[in-house]
Amino acid sequence: MKRFIRHILLLVIGLCPLLAAGAPAEPVLRDGSYLRQLQERDSILIGDQLLYGFRVEDLPINTRIALPDYSKQGLCDSVVIVRGWVVDTTRTKTGTMTVDASLVITSFDAGLYGLPPLAMLTTTSDDAAATPDTLYFKPKVLDVRTLPIDPETYEPHDIRPQIRYPLTLKEVLPWLYGFWLTALLLILAVCLVRQYRRRGTSAAKPDDPAHIVALRELDKFRGSKFWAPERQKAFYSGVTDALRGYIAARYGVSALERTTAEIFDDLKETDLSQDLYAEAKELFEVSDFVKFAKLTVPEDEAAKVLPAAVRFVTSTYQEEITQEKEAGHVL
């Protein structure tokens, strides 16, 4: 009985705004209104959003409709309109149409709220003199609840701290890539600086004279251990390579890229003495036999190779100094 009286009172409350707005004293309320949650639950909680609207069927195709504007006055106290009217029309097979219009509402206060009845103004487009017809739909009751709290068993809790999720490999990889890239760039920069310094040092340091370079190379082959048959090829190659470099620097002959015959053909046109020429040519020819014909030279003859090469370098260098002095004296 109490529940029935409660609904009657809510219906009367819902009709009050309509009567105050100048609506008919006794509007004919039609079925078709609905109050439906956007998130289906067994109850309506504070902040839940609901569709409040109506559905009309079997309207003529040429029917025009108009809906009241609730944006200023609202529906009722403590009920908020979240979204305005949305109208959906569907044509049926019988030549009529169905209109579905709804609002999205919510409330942030618990309690029972009698919603006002919804209204729709209809008219036909082909009859300009026809009087518009107003349709009213039965109002609904909005029952907003809050979470029940038992004061005897309720225990307040402090604010929970922020949840800390464990680090993942996807989050760490960018930092690792950045570290590796930075380390690589630092290593590259250090290598470039060292190479630049070495080039600067080598450029600043003057090159040694050709005879010093040749004598330094020849000095590496001192000792009878290089005369062994199995090492004679390396021995003769090393000695003749040192002489080739000296000849190229001293006389301007491309000795490093030519054969023995070509080298000594060019040396004939220089001021090289006949004794040194013949001794050096014999040394080169024996070296060719050792390298290409696998000739084994006796140790007593191999012992004469290095002194002959040193004599060729020192003698030609002394001749060059003498010629420079004589040229300076003449000048």
Protein backbone atom coordinates (compact mmCIF):
# COMPACT_ATOMS: atom_id res chain seq x y z
CA MET A 1 0.00 0.00 0.00
CA LYS A 2 2.82 2.42 0.90
CA ARG A 3 4.55 1.66 -2.37
CA PHE A 4 1.38 2.42 -4.35
CA ILE A 5 0.89 5.74 -2.55
CA ARG A 6 4.54 6.59 -3.19
CA HIS A 7 4.17 6.13 -6.96
CA ILE A 8 0.96 8.20 -7.01
CA LEU A 9 2.77 11.06 -5.27
CA LEU A 10 5.67 10.86 -7.72
CA LEU A 11 3.22 10.98 -10.63
CA VAL A 12 1.61 14.11 -9.21
CA ILE A 13 5.03 15.71 -8.68
CA GLY A 14 5.98 14.87 -12.26
CA LEU A 15 2.89 16.58 -13.64
CA CYS A 16 3.51 19.81 -11.70
CA PRO A 17 6.10 21.30 -14.13
CA LEU A 18 3.84 20.54 -17.06
CA LEU A 19 0.86 22.28 -15.44
CA ALA A 20 3.00 25.26 -14.45
CA ALA A 21 4.24 25.63 -18.05
CA GLY A 22 0.76 26.19 -19.39
CA ALA A 23 0.05 22.64 -20.59
CA PRO A 24 -3.50 21.35 -20.87
CA ALA A 25 -5.19 20.68 -17.56
CA GLU A 26 -5.81 17.06 -18.28
CA PRO A 27 -3.44 15.86 -21.02
CA VAL A 28 -3.99 12.42 -22.44
CA LEU A 29 -0.92 10.42 -21.50
CA ARG A 30 0.11 7.79 -24.01
CA ASP A 31 2.19 4.69 -23.58
CA GLY A 32 5.58 4.46 -25.26
CA SER A 33 7.89 6.27 -22.82
CA TYR A 34 10.91 4.46 -21.42
CA LEU A 35 13.77 4.94 -18.97
CA ARG A 36 16.72 2.72 -19.87
CA GLN A 37 20.25 2.54 -18.47
CA LEU A 38 23.25 2.87 -20.78
CA GLN A 39 25.07 0.40 -18.51
CA GLU A 40 22.70 -2.35 -17.50
CA ARG A 41 22.61 -2.93 -13.73
CA ASP A 42 20.13 -4.22 -11.20
CA SER A 43 19.90 -0.69 -9.73
CA ILE A 44 20.65 2.92 -10.66
CA LEU A 45 23.66 4.40 -8.85
CA ILE A 46 24.79 7.98 -8.54
CA GLY A 47 26.29 9.19 -11.80
CA ASP A 48 24.76 6.46 -13.98
CA GLN A 49 23.52 7.71 -17.36
CA LEU A 50 20.07 6.75 -18.67
CA LEU A 51 18.03 7.22 -21.81
CA TYR A 52 14.70 8.98 -21.15
CA GLY A 53 12.53 9.03 -24.23
CA PHE A 54 9.53 7.71 -26.08
CA ARG A 55 8.63 5.64 -29.11
CA VAL A 56 5.71 6.35 -31.44
CA GLU A 57 4.59 3.99 -34.18
CA ASP A 58 2.29 4.25 -37.20
CA LEU A 59 2.82 7.93 -37.92
CA PRO A 60 2.15 9.16 -41.46
CA ILE A 61 5.23 9.58 -43.60
CA ASN A 62 4.66 13.31 -44.10
CA THR A 63 4.39 14.01 -40.36
CA ARG A 64 6.59 16.75 -38.96
CA ILE A 65 7.52 16.75 -35.30
CA ALA A 66 8.78 19.30 -32.76
CA LEU A 67 10.25 18.61 -29.32
CA PRO A 68 10.46 20.84 -26.22
CA ASP A 69 13.77 22.50 -25.34
CA TYR A 70 14.99 21.46 -21.87
CA SER A 71 18.43 23.05 -22.15
CA LYS A 72 17.44 26.09 -20.05
CA GLN A 73 14.87 24.91 -17.56
CA GLY A 74 15.92 21.25 -17.31
CA LEU A 75 13.68 18.36 -16.41
CA CYS A 76 13.62 18.74 -12.64
CA ASP A 77 15.89 19.43 -9.68
CA SER A 78 18.96 17.19 -9.25
CA VAL A 79 18.49 15.66 -12.72
CA VAL A 80 21.09 16.74 -15.29
CA ILE A 81 20.68 16.49 -19.04
CA VAL A 82 23.93 15.05 -20.42
CA ARG A 83 22.87 14.93 -24.07
CA GLY A 84 20.02 16.65 -25.88
CA TRP A 85 17.42 15.14 -28.12
CA VAL A 86 18.36 12.43 -30.57
CA VAL A 87 15.59 11.42 -32.99
CA ASP A 88 15.61 8.23 -35.04
CA THR A 89 12.92 7.65 -37.70
CA THR A 90 12.26 4.31 -39.37
CA ARG A 91 9.90 3.68 -42.32
CA THR A 92 7.76 0.57 -42.05
CA LYS A 93 6.44 -1.73 -44.78
CA THR A 94 2.88 -0.44 -44.27
CA GLY A 95 3.75 3.06 -45.43
CA THR A 96 4.06 4.62 -41.99
CA MET A 97 7.05 5.57 -39.86
CA THR A 98 8.26 4.97 -36.32
CA VAL A 99 9.83 7.79 -34.28
CA ASP A 100 12.26 7.10 -31.43
CA ALA A 101 13.39 10.22 -29.49
CA SER A 102 15.46 10.23 -26.30
CA LEU A 103 17.55 12.32 -23.92
CA VAL A 104 20.56 11.21 -21.83
CA ILE A 105 20.13 12.16 -18.19
CA THR A 106 21.91 11.50 -14.89
CA SER A 107 21.79 12.49 -11.24
CA PHE A 108 24.45 12.98 -8.61
CA ASP A 109 22.11 12.92 -5.60
CA ALA A 110 20.43 9.83 -4.25
CA GLY A 111 16.64 9.87 -4.08
CA LEU A 112 13.39 9.41 -5.96
CA TYR A 113 12.71 11.87 -8.76
CA GLY A 114 9.46 12.15 -10.65
CA LEU A 115 10.34 13.02 -14.22
CA PRO A 116 7.92 15.23 -16.17
CA PRO A 117 5.95 13.69 -19.00
CA LEU A 118 7.54 14.11 -22.42
CA ALA A 119 5.66 15.87 -25.17
CA MET A 120 5.85 15.94 -28.98
CA LEU A 121 4.16 18.39 -31.36
CA THR A 122 3.06 16.81 -34.68
CA THR A 123 1.70 18.25 -37.90
CA THR A 124 1.38 17.15 -41.53
CA SER A 125 3.32 18.96 -44.23
CA ASP A 126 0.55 18.77 -46.87
CA ASP A 127 -2.04 20.55 -44.76
CA ALA A 128 -0.88 24.05 -43.82
CA ALA A 129 -4.19 24.96 -42.18
CA ALA A 130 -4.24 21.88 -39.94
CA THR A 131 -3.95 22.46 -36.19
CA PRO A 132 -0.79 20.91 -34.63
CA ASP A 133 -1.43 18.01 -32.31
CA THR A 134 0.45 17.56 -29.03
CA LEU A 135 1.19 14.05 -27.78
CA TYR A 136 2.03 13.49 -24.10
CA PHE A 137 3.72 10.36 -22.79
CA LYS A 138 3.49 8.85 -19.35
CA PRO A 139 6.28 10.06 -17.04
CA LYS A 140 8.79 7.81 -15.35
CA VAL A 141 10.22 7.68 -11.83
CA LEU A 142 13.98 7.90 -11.40
CA ASP A 143 15.20 6.02 -8.34
CA VAL A 144 18.87 6.97 -7.72
CA ARG A 145 20.66 4.97 -5.06
CA THR A 146 24.01 5.10 -3.38
CA LEU A 147 26.21 2.32 -2.05
CA PRO A 148 24.87 1.12 1.30
CA ILE A 149 27.20 1.75 4.24
CA ASP A 150 26.79 0.09 7.59
CA PRO A 151 27.95 2.63 10.22
CA GLU A 152 28.65 -0.13 12.72
CA THR A 153 31.00 -2.14 10.52
CA TYR A 154 32.36 0.65 8.30
CA GLU A 155 36.07 1.29 8.74
CA PRO A 156 37.66 4.22 6.88
CA HIS A 157 40.87 3.52 5.02
CA ASP A 158 43.71 5.77 4.05
CA ILE A 159 44.30 6.79 0.44
CA ARG A 160 45.95 3.99 -1.45
CA PRO A 161 49.43 4.73 -2.81
CA GLN A 162 50.09 4.86 -6.52
CA ILE A 163 50.42 1.47 -8.14
CA ARG A 164 53.99 0.75 -9.24
CA TYR A 165 54.15 -1.59 -12.20
CA PRO A 166 57.35 -3.57 -12.85
CA LEU A 167 59.64 -2.38 -15.62
CA THR A 168 59.33 -4.21 -18.92
CA LEU A 169 61.92 -4.85 -21.59
CA LYS A 170 60.03 -2.57 -23.98
CA GLU A 171 60.49 0.35 -21.57
CA VAL A 172 64.18 -0.36 -20.91
CA LEU A 173 65.27 -0.93 -24.53
CA PRO A 174 65.20 2.78 -25.58
CA TRP A 175 67.51 3.66 -22.67
CA LEU A 176 69.86 0.78 -23.55
CA TYR A 177 69.94 1.83 -27.21
CA GLY A 178 70.68 5.40 -26.18
CA PHE A 179 73.52 4.28 -23.89
CA TRP A 180 75.07 2.05 -26.57
CA LEU A 181 74.79 4.77 -29.19
CA THR A 182 76.41 7.33 -26.88
CA ALA A 183 79.25 4.92 -26.03
CA LEU A 184 79.79 4.18 -29.72
CA LEU A 185 79.94 7.87 -30.57
CA LEU A 186 82.44 8.50 -27.76
CA ILE A 187 84.68 5.65 -28.93
CA LEU A 188 84.50 6.93 -32.50
CA ALA A 189 85.36 10.46 -31.37
CA VAL A 190 88.39 9.21 -29.38
CA CYS A 191 89.63 7.19 -32.37
CA LEU A 192 89.28 10.18 -34.70
CA VAL A 193 91.15 12.45 -32.27
CA ARG A 194 94.00 9.94 -31.92
CA GLN A 195 94.23 9.48 -35.67
CA TYR A 196 94.28 13.23 -36.18
CA ARG A 197 97.07 13.61 -33.62
CA ARG A 198 99.10 10.85 -35.25
CA ARG A 199 98.77 12.48 -38.63
CA GLY A 200 99.79 15.81 -37.17
CA THR A 201 102.85 14.24 -35.50
CA SER A 202 103.88 12.39 -38.64
CA ALA A 203 103.42 15.51 -40.73
CA ALA A 204 105.48 17.59 -38.33
CA LYS A 205 108.28 15.01 -38.11
CA PRO A 206 110.61 15.26 -41.14
CA ASP A 207 111.28 12.08 -43.12
CA ASP A 208 114.65 10.43 -42.72
CA PRO A 209 117.09 10.64 -45.67
CA ALA A 210 116.95 7.78 -48.17
CA HIS A 211 120.35 6.36 -47.20
CA ILE A 212 119.37 6.27 -43.50
CA VAL A 213 116.19 4.38 -44.31
CA ALA A 214 118.06 1.92 -46.51
CA LEU A 215 120.83 1.28 -43.96
CA ARG A 216 118.20 0.79 -41.23
CA GLU A 217 116.46 -1.84 -43.34
CA LEU A 218 119.72 -3.57 -44.24
CA ASP A 219 120.78 -3.67 -40.60
CA LYS A 220 117.86 -6.03 -39.91
CA PHE A 221 119.58 -8.79 -41.93
CA ARG A 222 122.86 -8.89 -40.04
CA GLY A 223 123.90 -12.33 -38.77
CA SER A 224 124.57 -15.72 -40.31
CA LYS A 225 121.09 -16.98 -39.42
CA PHE A 226 119.75 -15.32 -42.59
CA TRP A 227 122.13 -17.30 -44.80
CA ALA A 228 120.53 -20.67 -44.12
CA PRO A 229 119.25 -22.31 -47.32
CA GLU A 230 115.63 -22.21 -46.16
CA ARG A 231 115.89 -18.46 -45.41
CA GLN A 232 117.92 -17.27 -48.38
CA LYS A 233 114.84 -16.29 -50.39
CA ALA A 234 113.62 -13.94 -47.65
CA PHE A 235 117.17 -12.68 -47.12
CA TYR A 236 117.82 -11.75 -50.77
CA SER A 237 114.31 -10.29 -51.16
CA GLY A 238 114.76 -8.07 -48.11
CA VAL A 239 118.17 -6.80 -49.20
CA THR A 240 117.12 -6.05 -52.79
CA ASP A 241 113.88 -4.39 -51.63
CA ALA A 242 115.88 -2.02 -49.44
CA LEU A 243 118.18 -1.22 -52.41
CA ARG A 244 115.17 -0.72 -54.73
CA GLY A 245 113.73 1.89 -52.37
CA TYR A 246 117.07 3.67 -52.10
CA ILE A 247 117.61 3.68 -55.88
CA ALA A 248 114.13 5.10 -56.43
CA ALA A 249 114.77 7.92 -53.93
CA ARG A 250 118.41 8.59 -54.96
CA TYR A 251 118.21 8.37 -58.76
CA GLY A 252 114.48 8.81 -59.46
CA VAL A 253 114.17 5.37 -61.06
CA SER A 254 110.93 3.41 -60.57
CA ALA A 255 112.87 0.49 -59.12
CA LEU A 256 109.98 -0.87 -57.09
CA GLU A 257 107.89 -1.60 -60.19
CA ARG A 258 110.55 -2.76 -62.67
CA THR A 259 112.63 -5.83 -63.36
CA THR A 260 116.38 -6.05 -62.77
CA ALA A 261 117.20 -5.47 -66.43
CA GLU A 262 114.96 -2.39 -66.64
CA ILE A 263 116.39 -0.92 -63.44
CA PHE A 264 120.02 -1.20 -64.58
CA ASP A 265 119.20 0.04 -68.06
CA ASP A 266 118.03 3.26 -66.42
CA LEU A 267 121.05 3.36 -64.10
CA LYS A 268 123.40 3.40 -67.11
CA GLU A 269 122.32 6.98 -67.74
CA THR A 270 123.29 8.08 -64.21
CA ASP A 271 126.68 9.01 -62.74
CA LEU A 272 126.98 5.64 -60.97
CA SER A 273 130.54 4.25 -61.13
CA GLN A 274 131.15 1.08 -63.13
CA ASP A 275 132.37 -0.92 -60.13
CA LEU A 276 129.30 -0.20 -58.04
CA TYR A 277 127.08 -0.73 -61.08
CA ALA A 278 128.53 -4.17 -61.83
CA GLU A 279 128.50 -5.27 -58.17
CA ALA A 280 124.89 -4.17 -57.64
CA LYS A 281 123.73 -5.77 -60.90
CA GLU A 282 125.33 -9.09 -59.97
CA LEU A 283 123.64 -8.92 -56.54
CA PHE A 284 120.23 -8.36 -58.15
CA GLU A 285 120.72 -11.14 -60.72
CA VAL A 286 121.71 -13.68 -58.02
CA SER A 287 118.70 -12.56 -56.00
CA ASP A 288 116.42 -13.27 -58.98
CA PHE A 289 117.85 -16.79 -59.27
CA VAL A 290 117.33 -17.39 -55.55
CA LYS A 291 113.74 -16.08 -55.59
CA PHE A 292 112.53 -17.55 -58.88
CA ALA A 293 114.87 -20.45 -59.73
CA LYS A 294 115.31 -21.70 -56.13
CA LEU A 295 119.07 -21.32 -56.31
CA THR A 296 120.98 -22.09 -53.10
CA VAL A 297 123.97 -19.81 -52.61
CA PRO A 298 126.98 -21.00 -50.58
CA GLU A 299 127.39 -19.34 -47.21
CA ASP A 300 130.67 -17.63 -48.12
CA GLU A 301 129.00 -15.92 -51.08
CA ALA A 302 125.84 -15.09 -49.09
CA ALA A 303 128.04 -13.42 -46.46
CA LYS A 304 129.22 -10.93 -49.10
CA VAL A 305 125.69 -9.78 -50.03
CA LEU A 306 124.99 -7.50 -47.09
CA PRO A 307 128.40 -5.72 -47.13
CA ALA A 308 128.00 -5.16 -50.88
CA ALA A 309 124.55 -3.60 -50.38
CA VAL A 310 125.82 -1.36 -47.57
CA ARG A 311 128.81 -0.33 -49.68
CA PHE A 312 126.52 0.60 -52.58
CA VAL A 313 124.42 2.87 -50.33
CA THR A 314 127.29 4.58 -48.52
CA SER A 315 129.41 5.06 -51.65
CA THR A 316 126.61 6.60 -53.72
CA TYR A 317 125.63 8.81 -50.82
CA GLN A 318 129.22 10.04 -50.43
CA GLU A 319 129.34 10.76 -54.14
CA GLU A 320 126.18 12.82 -53.81
CA ILE A 321 127.70 14.84 -50.94
CA THR A 322 130.88 15.43 -52.95
CA GLN A 323 128.90 16.60 -55.96
CA GLU A 324 126.89 19.00 -53.81
CA LYS A 325 130.06 20.45 -52.27
CA GLU A 326 131.66 20.91 -55.68
CA ALA A 327 128.52 22.57 -57.00
CA GLY A 328 128.50 24.88 -53.98
CA HIS A 329 132.19 25.73 -54.47
CA VAL A 330 131.64 26.61 -58.08
CA LEU A 331 128.74 28.83 -57.19
